[in-house]
PDB file of N, CA and C in Angstrom:
ATOM      1  N   MET A   1     -59.834  74.211  -5.751  1.00  0.00           N
ATOM      2  CA  MET A   1     -60.229  73.444  -6.915  1.00  0.00           C
ATOM      3  C   MET A   1     -59.447  73.907  -8.143  1.00  0.00           C
ATOM      4  N   CYS A   2     -59.290  75.223  -8.296  1.00  0.00           N
ATOM      5  CA  CYS A   2     -58.529  75.741  -9.438  1.00  0.00           C
ATOM      6  C   CYS A   2     -57.107  75.215  -9.399  1.00  0.00           C
ATOM      7  N   ARG A   3     -56.532  75.196  -8.215  1.00  0.00           N
ATOM      8  CA  ARG A   3     -55.158  74.728  -8.067  1.00  0.00           C
ATOM      9  C   ARG A   3     -55.042  73.265  -8.484  1.00  0.00           C
ATOM     10  N   ALA A   4     -56.001  72.443  -8.090  1.00  0.00           N
ATOM     11  CA  ALA A   4     -55.981  71.025  -8.437  1.00  0.00           C
ATOM     12  C   ALA A   4     -56.085  70.828  -9.942  1.00  0.00           C
ATOM     13  N   VAL A   5     -56.914  71.600 -10.594  1.00  0.00           N
ATOM     14  CA  VAL A   5     -57.076  71.483 -12.042  1.00  0.00           C
ATOM     15  C   VAL A   5     -55.804  71.926 -12.756  1.00  0.00           C
ATOM     16  N   LEU A   6     -55.203  72.999 -12.279  1.00  0.00           N
ATOM     17  CA  LEU A   6     -54.019  73.541 -12.939  1.00  0.00           C
ATOM     18  C   LEU A   6     -52.787  72.674 -12.736  1.00  0.00           C
ATOM     19  N   GLU A   7     -52.760  71.888 -11.665  1.00  0.00           N
ATOM     20  CA  GLU A   7     -51.595  71.039 -11.403  1.00  0.00           C
ATOM     21  C   GLU A   7     -51.630  69.726 -12.174  1.00  0.00           C
ATOM     22  N   THR A   8     -52.729  69.351 -12.764  1.00  0.00           N
ATOM     23  CA  THR A   8     -52.803  68.103 -13.515  1.00  0.00           C
ATOM     24  C   THR A   8     -52.148  68.271 -14.872  1.00  0.00           C
ATOM     25  N   GLU A   9     -51.807  67.162 -15.484  1.00  0.00           N
ATOM     26  CA  GLU A   9     -51.183  67.175 -16.807  1.00  0.00           C
ATOM     27  C   GLU A   9     -52.113  67.768 -17.859  1.00  0.00           C
ATOM     28  N   GLU A  10     -53.405  67.536 -17.700  1.00  0.00           N
ATOM     29  CA  GLU A  10     -54.380  68.005 -18.676  1.00  0.00           C
ATOM     30  C   GLU A  10     -54.634  69.500 -18.556  1.00  0.00           C
ATOM     31  N   GLY A  11     -54.238  70.090 -17.450  1.00  0.00           N
ATOM     32  CA  GLY A  11     -54.509  71.495 -17.203  1.00  0.00           C
ATOM     33  C   GLY A  11     -53.434  72.442 -17.716  1.00  0.00           C
ATOM     34  N   THR A  12     -52.527  71.960 -18.547  1.00  0.00           N
ATOM     35  CA  THR A  12     -51.431  72.798 -19.031  1.00  0.00           C
ATOM     36  C   THR A  12     -51.947  73.993 -19.808  1.00  0.00           C
ATOM     37  N   GLN A  13     -52.864  73.763 -20.700  1.00  0.00           N
ATOM     38  CA  GLN A  13     -53.416  74.860 -21.494  1.00  0.00           C
ATOM     39  C   GLN A  13     -54.211  75.808 -20.598  1.00  0.00           C
ATOM     40  N   LYS A  14     -54.917  75.258 -19.638  1.00  0.00           N
ATOM     41  CA  LYS A  14     -55.677  76.090 -18.706  1.00  0.00           C
ATOM     42  C   LYS A  14     -54.741  76.929 -17.841  1.00  0.00           C
ATOM     43  N   ALA A  15     -53.629  76.340 -17.424  1.00  0.00           N
ATOM     44  CA  ALA A  15     -52.668  77.066 -16.594  1.00  0.00           C
ATOM     45  C   ALA A  15     -52.080  78.238 -17.370  1.00  0.00           C
ATOM     46  N   GLU A  16     -51.768  78.015 -18.634  1.00  0.00           N
ATOM     47  CA  GLU A  16     -51.237  79.100 -19.465  1.00  0.00           C
ATOM     48  C   GLU A  16     -52.275  80.203 -19.637  1.00  0.00           C
ATOM     49  N   ALA A  17     -53.528  79.826 -19.783  1.00  0.00           N
ATOM     50  CA  ALA A  17     -54.598  80.816 -19.934  1.00  0.00           C
ATOM     51  C   ALA A  17     -54.759  81.627 -18.653  1.00  0.00           C
ATOM     52  N   VAL A  18     -54.668  80.973 -17.507  1.00  0.00           N
ATOM     53  CA  VAL A  18     -54.772  81.680 -16.232  1.00  0.00           C
ATOM     54  C   VAL A  18     -53.609  82.645 -16.078  1.00  0.00           C
ATOM     55  N   ASN A  19     -52.394  82.198 -16.416  1.00  0.00           N
ATOM     56  CA  ASN A  19     -51.225  83.065 -16.323  1.00  0.00           C
ATOM     57  C   ASN A  19     -51.346  84.263 -17.262  1.00  0.00           C
ATOM     58  N   ASP A  20     -51.836  84.042 -18.456  1.00  0.00           N
ATOM     59  CA  ASP A  20     -52.040  85.151 -19.398  1.00  0.00           C
ATOM     60  C   ASP A  20     -53.074  86.137 -18.857  1.00  0.00           C
ATOM     61  N   GLY A  21     -54.109  85.619 -18.237  1.00  0.00           N
ATOM     62  CA  GLY A  21     -55.132  86.482 -17.653  1.00  0.00           C
ATOM     63  C   GLY A  21     -54.587  87.334 -16.522  1.00  0.00           C
ATOM     64  N   ILE A  22     -53.725  86.749 -15.712  1.00  0.00           N
ATOM     65  CA  ILE A  22     -53.117  87.494 -14.610  1.00  0.00           C
ATOM     66  C   ILE A  22     -52.247  88.619 -15.147  1.00  0.00           C
ATOM     67  N   VAL A  23     -51.446  88.320 -16.155  1.00  0.00           N
ATOM     68  CA  VAL A  23     -50.596  89.346 -16.754  1.00  0.00           C
ATOM     69  C   VAL A  23     -51.454  90.443 -17.378  1.00  0.00           C
ATOM     70  N   TYR A  24     -52.498  90.060 -18.054  1.00  0.00           N
ATOM     71  CA  TYR A  24     -53.420  91.005 -18.682  1.00  0.00           C
ATOM     72  C   TYR A  24     -54.019  91.944 -17.641  1.00  0.00           C
ATOM     73  N   LEU A  25     -54.423  91.399 -16.503  1.00  0.00           N
ATOM     74  CA  LEU A  25     -55.016  92.221 -15.447  1.00  0.00           C
ATOM     75  C   LEU A  25     -53.980  93.104 -14.752  1.00  0.00           C
ATOM     76  N   MET A  26     -52.721  92.679 -14.727  1.00  0.00           N
ATOM     77  CA  MET A  26     -51.668  93.475 -14.089  1.00  0.00           C
ATOM     78  C   MET A  26     -51.248  94.667 -14.940  1.00  0.00           C
ATOM     79  N   VAL A  27     -51.398  94.586 -16.238  1.00  0.00           N
ATOM     80  CA  VAL A  27     -50.929  95.637 -17.133  1.00  0.00           C
ATOM     81  C   VAL A  27     -51.755  96.911 -16.994  1.00  0.00           C
ATOM     82  N   PHE A  28     -53.045  96.789 -16.827  1.00  0.00           N
ATOM     83  CA  PHE A  28     -53.918  97.961 -16.828  1.00  0.00           C
ATOM     84  C   PHE A  28     -53.642  98.953 -15.698  1.00  0.00           C
ATOM     85  N   PRO A  29     -53.431  98.533 -14.472  1.00  0.00           N
ATOM     86  CA  PRO A  29     -53.118  99.541 -13.447  1.00  0.00           C
ATOM     87  C   PRO A  29     -51.839 100.321 -13.763  1.00  0.00           C
ATOM     88  N   TYR A  30     -50.830  99.640 -14.277  1.00  0.00           N
ATOM     89  CA  TYR A  30     -49.583 100.325 -14.636  1.00  0.00           C
ATOM     90  C   TYR A  30     -49.807 101.303 -15.784  1.00  0.00           C
ATOM     91  N   LEU A  31     -50.600 100.912 -16.759  1.00  0.00           N
ATOM     92  CA  LEU A  31     -50.910 101.822 -17.860  1.00  0.00           C
ATOM     93  C   LEU A  31     -51.663 103.050 -17.365  1.00  0.00           C
ATOM     94  N   LEU A  32     -52.646 102.849 -16.515  1.00  0.00           N
ATOM     95  CA  LEU A  32     -53.422 103.967 -15.994  1.00  0.00           C
ATOM     96  C   LEU A  32     -52.555 104.925 -15.192  1.00  0.00           C
ATOM     97  N   VAL A  33     -51.681 104.392 -14.342  1.00  0.00           N
ATOM     98  CA  VAL A  33     -50.796 105.247 -13.557  1.00  0.00           C
ATOM     99  C   VAL A  33     -49.829 105.987 -14.467  1.00  0.00           C
ATOM    100  N   GLY A  34     -49.305 105.312 -15.484  1.00  0.00           N
ATOM    101  CA  GLY A  34     -48.397 105.957 -16.423  1.00  0.00           C
ATOM    102  C   GLY A  34     -49.065 107.079 -17.197  1.00  0.00           C
ATOM    103  N   ILE A  35     -50.264 106.835 -17.676  1.00  0.00           N
ATOM    104  CA  ILE A  35     -51.000 107.858 -18.428  1.00  0.00           C
ATOM    105  C   ILE A  35     -51.335 109.035 -17.522  1.00  0.00           C
ATOM    106  N   LEU A  36     -51.767 108.756 -16.304  1.00  0.00           N
ATOM    107  CA  LEU A  36     -52.081 109.823 -15.352  1.00  0.00           C
ATOM    108  C   LEU A  36     -50.834 110.651 -15.038  1.00  0.00           C
ATOM    109  N   GLY A  37     -49.715 109.991 -14.837  1.00  0.00           N
ATOM    110  CA  GLY A  37     -48.459 110.699 -14.584  1.00  0.00           C
ATOM    111  C   GLY A  37     -48.063 111.573 -15.753  1.00  0.00           C
ATOM    112  N   PHE A  38     -48.228 111.078 -16.962  1.00  0.00           N
ATOM    113  CA  PHE A  38     -47.890 111.847 -18.161  1.00  0.00           C
ATOM    114  C   PHE A  38     -48.786 113.076 -18.286  1.00  0.00           C
ATOM    115  N   VAL A  39     -50.070 112.916 -18.024  1.00  0.00           N
ATOM    116  CA  VAL A  39     -51.012 114.046 -18.104  1.00  0.00           C
ATOM    117  C   VAL A  39     -50.651 115.098 -17.060  1.00  0.00           C
ATOM    118  N   ILE A  40     -50.352 114.671 -15.847  1.00  0.00           N
ATOM    119  CA  ILE A  40     -49.971 115.616 -14.799  1.00  0.00           C
ATOM    120  C   ILE A  40     -48.689 116.338 -15.184  1.00  0.00           C
ATOM    121  N   TYR A  41     -47.737 115.629 -15.737  1.00  0.00           N
ATOM    122  CA  TYR A  41     -46.478 116.223 -16.184  1.00  0.00           C
ATOM    123  C   TYR A  41     -46.725 117.284 -17.248  1.00  0.00           C
ATOM    124  N   ARG A  42     -47.583 116.969 -18.221  1.00  0.00           N
ATOM    125  CA  ARG A  42     -47.879 117.932 -19.289  1.00  0.00           C
ATOM    126  C   ARG A  42     -48.560 119.181 -18.744  1.00  0.00           C
ATOM    127  N   VAL A  43     -49.518 119.015 -17.847  1.00  0.00           N
ATOM    128  CA  VAL A  43     -50.229 120.157 -17.265  1.00  0.00           C
ATOM    129  C   VAL A  43     -49.256 121.015 -16.459  1.00  0.00           C
ATOM    130  N   TYR A  44     -48.396 120.387 -15.692  1.00  0.00           N
ATOM    131  CA  TYR A  44     -47.425 121.112 -14.889  1.00  0.00           C
ATOM    132  C   TYR A  44     -46.477 121.914 -15.773  1.00  0.00           C
ATOM    133  N   ASN A  45     -46.002 121.320 -16.854  1.00  0.00           N
ATOM    134  CA  ASN A  45     -45.088 122.024 -17.762  1.00  0.00           C
ATOM    135  C   ASN A  45     -45.781 123.171 -18.482  1.00  0.00           C
ATOM    136  N   LYS A  46     -47.048 123.019 -18.839  1.00  0.00           N
ATOM    137  CA  LYS A  46     -47.789 124.114 -19.484  1.00  0.00           C
ATOM    138  C   LYS A  46     -47.895 125.312 -18.548  1.00  0.00           C
ATOM    139  N   LYS A  47     -48.218 125.047 -17.294  1.00  0.00           N
ATOM    140  CA  LYS A  47     -48.344 126.137 -16.320  1.00  0.00           C
ATOM    141  C   LYS A  47     -46.995 126.807 -16.089  1.00  0.00           C
ATOM    142  N   LYS A  48     -45.949 126.031 -16.060  1.00  0.00           N
ATOM    143  CA  LYS A  48     -44.607 126.564 -15.836  1.00  0.00           C
ATOM    144  C   LYS A  48     -44.183 127.452 -17.003  1.00  0.00           C
ATOM    145  N   LYS A  49     -44.471 127.038 -18.228  1.00  0.00           N
ATOM    146  CA  LYS A  49     -44.133 127.833 -19.412  1.00  0.00           C
ATOM    147  C   LYS A  49     -44.963 129.103 -19.471  1.00  0.00           C
ATOM    148  N   ALA A  50     -46.209 129.045 -19.035  1.00  0.00           N
ATOM    149  CA  ALA A  50     -47.085 130.213 -19.040  1.00  0.00           C
ATOM    150  C   ALA A  50     -46.570 131.265 -18.073  1.00  0.00           C
ATOM    151  N   LYS A  51     -46.017 130.863 -16.957  1.00  0.00           N
ATOM    152  CA  LYS A  51     -45.475 131.813 -15.991  1.00  0.00           C
ATOM    153  C   LYS A  51     -44.214 132.494 -16.520  1.00  0.00           C
ATOM    154  N   ILE A  52     -43.409 131.765 -17.268  1.00  0.00           N
ATOM    155  CA  ILE A  52     -42.150 132.309 -17.817  1.00  0.00           C
ATOM    156  C   ILE A  52     -42.453 133.336 -18.896  1.00  0.00           C
ATOM    157  N   GLU A  53     -43.400 133.061 -19.739  1.00  0.00           N
ATOM    158  CA  GLU A  53     -43.730 133.978 -20.834  1.00  0.00           C
ATOM    159  C   GLU A  53     -44.555 135.084 -20.304  1.00  0.00           C
TER     160      GLU A  53
END
């Protein structure tokens, strides 16, 4: 049903909203993984510097 609505001429605005929603939902997992990677990197570097000093 969603596909039928989005394929009609009147569904152009709805199709754009659906596409924006998909992009919005895709961004969060990448942000979470990036933030987690950065935190792990910082913790690893702190431990490495502590061993050197």
